[in-house]
Amino acid sequence: MRTAALVAQTLGNLGIEHQTGVGRTGIVGHIRGRKAAPMLLIRADMDALPMQEQTGLP
């Protein structure tokens, strides 16, 4: 949970809108462009536990 708090603090310091408590310890950051355009999603794991992706995606 300290890592999530550090990430949330860093996003806040950078002025990036974010939501905490997603799935208990998750964080969602929102970086908005100046005009409507396609979106980019980045998903990352912060717990450093070994994990296999089960969606079949790379």
N, C-alpha and C. Protein backbone atom coordinates (compact mmCIF):
# COMPACT_ATOMS: atom_id res chain seq x y z
N MET A 1 0.81 -1.18 0.00
CA MET A 1 0.00 0.00 0.00
C MET A 1 0.87 1.26 0.00
N ARG A 2 2.11 1.14 0.47
CA ARG A 2 2.99 2.31 0.44
C ARG A 2 3.33 2.70 -0.99
N THR A 3 3.48 1.69 -1.86
CA THR A 3 3.79 1.99 -3.26
C THR A 3 2.63 2.74 -3.90
N ALA A 4 1.41 2.31 -3.64
CA ALA A 4 0.23 2.99 -4.19
C ALA A 4 0.16 4.43 -3.67
N ALA A 5 0.47 4.63 -2.40
CA ALA A 5 0.46 5.98 -1.83
C ALA A 5 1.52 6.85 -2.49
N LEU A 6 2.69 6.29 -2.74
CA LEU A 6 3.77 7.04 -3.39
C LEU A 6 3.38 7.41 -4.82
N VAL A 7 2.78 6.47 -5.54
CA VAL A 7 2.35 6.74 -6.92
C VAL A 7 1.28 7.83 -6.91
N ALA A 8 0.31 7.74 -6.00
CA ALA A 8 -0.75 8.74 -5.92
C ALA A 8 -0.17 10.12 -5.59
N GLN A 9 0.76 10.16 -4.66
CA GLN A 9 1.40 11.43 -4.29
C GLN A 9 2.15 12.02 -5.48
N THR A 10 2.87 11.18 -6.21
CA THR A 10 3.63 11.64 -7.37
C THR A 10 2.70 12.17 -8.45
N LEU A 11 1.62 11.45 -8.73
CA LEU A 11 0.64 11.92 -9.71
C LEU A 11 0.07 13.28 -9.29
N GLY A 12 -0.26 13.40 -8.01
CA GLY A 12 -0.78 14.67 -7.50
C GLY A 12 0.23 15.80 -7.63
N ASN A 13 1.49 15.51 -7.31
CA ASN A 13 2.55 16.52 -7.42
C ASN A 13 2.73 16.97 -8.86
N LEU A 14 2.47 16.08 -9.80
CA LEU A 14 2.59 16.41 -11.23
C LEU A 14 1.32 17.06 -11.78
N GLY A 15 0.31 17.17 -10.94
CA GLY A 15 -0.94 17.78 -11.38
C GLY A 15 -1.80 16.85 -12.23
N ILE A 16 -1.57 15.55 -12.10
CA ILE A 16 -2.33 14.57 -12.89
C ILE A 16 -3.54 14.12 -12.08
N GLU A 17 -4.72 14.28 -12.67
CA GLU A 17 -5.96 13.83 -12.04
C GLU A 17 -5.87 12.32 -11.85
N HIS A 18 -6.26 11.83 -10.67
CA HIS A 18 -6.19 10.39 -10.42
C HIS A 18 -7.25 9.96 -9.42
N GLN A 19 -7.52 8.66 -9.43
CA GLN A 19 -8.50 8.05 -8.53
C GLN A 19 -7.80 6.93 -7.80
N THR A 20 -7.92 6.89 -6.48
CA THR A 20 -7.30 5.84 -5.68
C THR A 20 -8.37 4.86 -5.19
N GLY A 21 -7.92 3.73 -4.64
CA GLY A 21 -8.84 2.75 -4.08
C GLY A 21 -9.53 1.89 -5.12
N VAL A 22 -9.03 1.88 -6.33
CA VAL A 22 -9.60 1.05 -7.39
C VAL A 22 -9.17 -0.39 -7.13
N GLY A 23 -10.12 -1.27 -6.87
CA GLY A 23 -9.75 -2.63 -6.52
C GLY A 23 -8.95 -2.68 -5.22
N ARG A 24 -9.25 -1.81 -4.32
CA ARG A 24 -8.64 -1.63 -2.99
C ARG A 24 -7.34 -0.85 -3.04
N THR A 25 -6.35 -1.29 -3.80
CA THR A 25 -5.05 -0.61 -3.79
C THR A 25 -4.66 -0.03 -5.14
N GLY A 26 -5.54 -0.13 -6.13
CA GLY A 26 -5.21 0.35 -7.46
C GLY A 26 -5.34 1.86 -7.60
N ILE A 27 -4.75 2.38 -8.67
CA ILE A 27 -4.79 3.81 -8.98
C ILE A 27 -5.07 3.95 -10.47
N VAL A 28 -5.92 4.90 -10.80
CA VAL A 28 -6.17 5.23 -12.20
C VAL A 28 -5.80 6.69 -12.39
N GLY A 29 -4.89 6.96 -13.31
CA GLY A 29 -4.51 8.33 -13.63
C GLY A 29 -5.19 8.75 -14.93
N HIS A 30 -5.61 10.01 -14.99
CA HIS A 30 -6.28 10.54 -16.18
C HIS A 30 -5.45 11.69 -16.74
N ILE A 31 -4.90 11.50 -17.90
CA ILE A 31 -4.17 12.57 -18.58
C ILE A 31 -5.00 12.92 -19.81
N ARG A 32 -5.57 14.08 -19.80
CA ARG A 32 -6.49 14.48 -20.86
C ARG A 32 -5.77 15.34 -21.90
N GLY A 33 -6.08 15.07 -23.16
CA GLY A 33 -5.53 15.86 -24.25
C GLY A 33 -6.33 17.13 -24.46
N ARG A 34 -5.88 17.95 -25.35
CA ARG A 34 -6.56 19.22 -25.64
C ARG A 34 -7.77 19.04 -26.54
N LYS A 35 -7.82 17.93 -27.27
CA LYS A 35 -8.97 17.69 -28.15
C LYS A 35 -9.27 16.20 -28.17
N ALA A 36 -10.45 15.85 -28.66
CA ALA A 36 -10.86 14.45 -28.71
C ALA A 36 -9.93 13.67 -29.63
N ALA A 37 -9.49 12.54 -29.16
CA ALA A 37 -8.56 11.69 -29.92
C ALA A 37 -8.64 10.28 -29.36
N PRO A 38 -8.05 9.30 -30.05
CA PRO A 38 -8.02 7.95 -29.50
C PRO A 38 -7.33 7.92 -28.14
N MET A 39 -7.69 6.93 -27.31
CA MET A 39 -7.12 6.80 -25.97
C MET A 39 -6.00 5.78 -25.94
N LEU A 40 -5.17 5.91 -24.93
CA LEU A 40 -4.12 4.94 -24.65
C LEU A 40 -4.29 4.49 -23.21
N LEU A 41 -4.26 3.20 -22.98
CA LEU A 41 -4.37 2.64 -21.64
C LEU A 41 -3.08 1.93 -21.32
N ILE A 42 -2.54 2.20 -20.15
CA ILE A 42 -1.34 1.49 -19.68
C ILE A 42 -1.72 0.80 -18.38
N ARG A 43 -1.48 -0.49 -18.31
CA ARG A 43 -1.76 -1.27 -17.11
C ARG A 43 -0.44 -1.78 -16.56
N ALA A 44 -0.24 -1.65 -15.27
CA ALA A 44 1.01 -2.11 -14.67
C ALA A 44 0.71 -2.79 -13.33
N ASP A 45 1.61 -3.66 -12.93
CA ASP A 45 1.50 -4.38 -11.68
C ASP A 45 2.50 -3.77 -10.70
N MET A 46 2.08 -3.50 -9.47
CA MET A 46 2.96 -2.84 -8.50
C MET A 46 3.35 -3.71 -7.32
N ASP A 47 2.91 -4.96 -7.24
CA ASP A 47 3.18 -5.72 -6.03
C ASP A 47 4.43 -6.60 -6.10
N ALA A 48 5.08 -6.66 -7.22
CA ALA A 48 6.33 -7.41 -7.40
C ALA A 48 6.17 -8.91 -7.17
N LEU A 49 4.97 -9.42 -7.26
CA LEU A 49 4.76 -10.86 -7.14
C LEU A 49 4.83 -11.48 -8.53
N PRO A 50 5.36 -12.70 -8.63
CA PRO A 50 5.38 -13.35 -9.94
C PRO A 50 3.94 -13.61 -10.39
N MET A 51 3.66 -13.29 -11.64
CA MET A 51 2.29 -13.41 -12.13
C MET A 51 2.30 -13.74 -13.61
N GLN A 52 1.46 -14.65 -14.02
CA GLN A 52 1.31 -14.99 -15.42
C GLN A 52 0.08 -14.28 -15.98
N GLU A 53 0.23 -13.64 -17.13
CA GLU A 53 -0.91 -13.01 -17.80
C GLU A 53 -1.84 -14.12 -18.28
N GLN A 54 -3.12 -14.03 -17.95
CA GLN A 54 -4.06 -15.09 -18.29
C GLN A 54 -5.05 -14.69 -19.38
N THR A 55 -4.86 -13.52 -19.96
CA THR A 55 -5.80 -13.08 -20.99
C THR A 55 -5.41 -13.57 -22.37
N GLY A 56 -4.17 -14.07 -22.51
CA GLY A 56 -3.68 -14.47 -23.81
C GLY A 56 -3.05 -13.32 -24.58
N LEU A 57 -3.07 -12.11 -23.98
CA LEU A 57 -2.44 -10.95 -24.61
C LEU A 57 -0.96 -10.91 -24.27
N PRO A 58 -0.15 -10.28 -25.12
CA PRO A 58 1.30 -10.21 -24.81
C PRO A 58 1.57 -9.31 -23.62
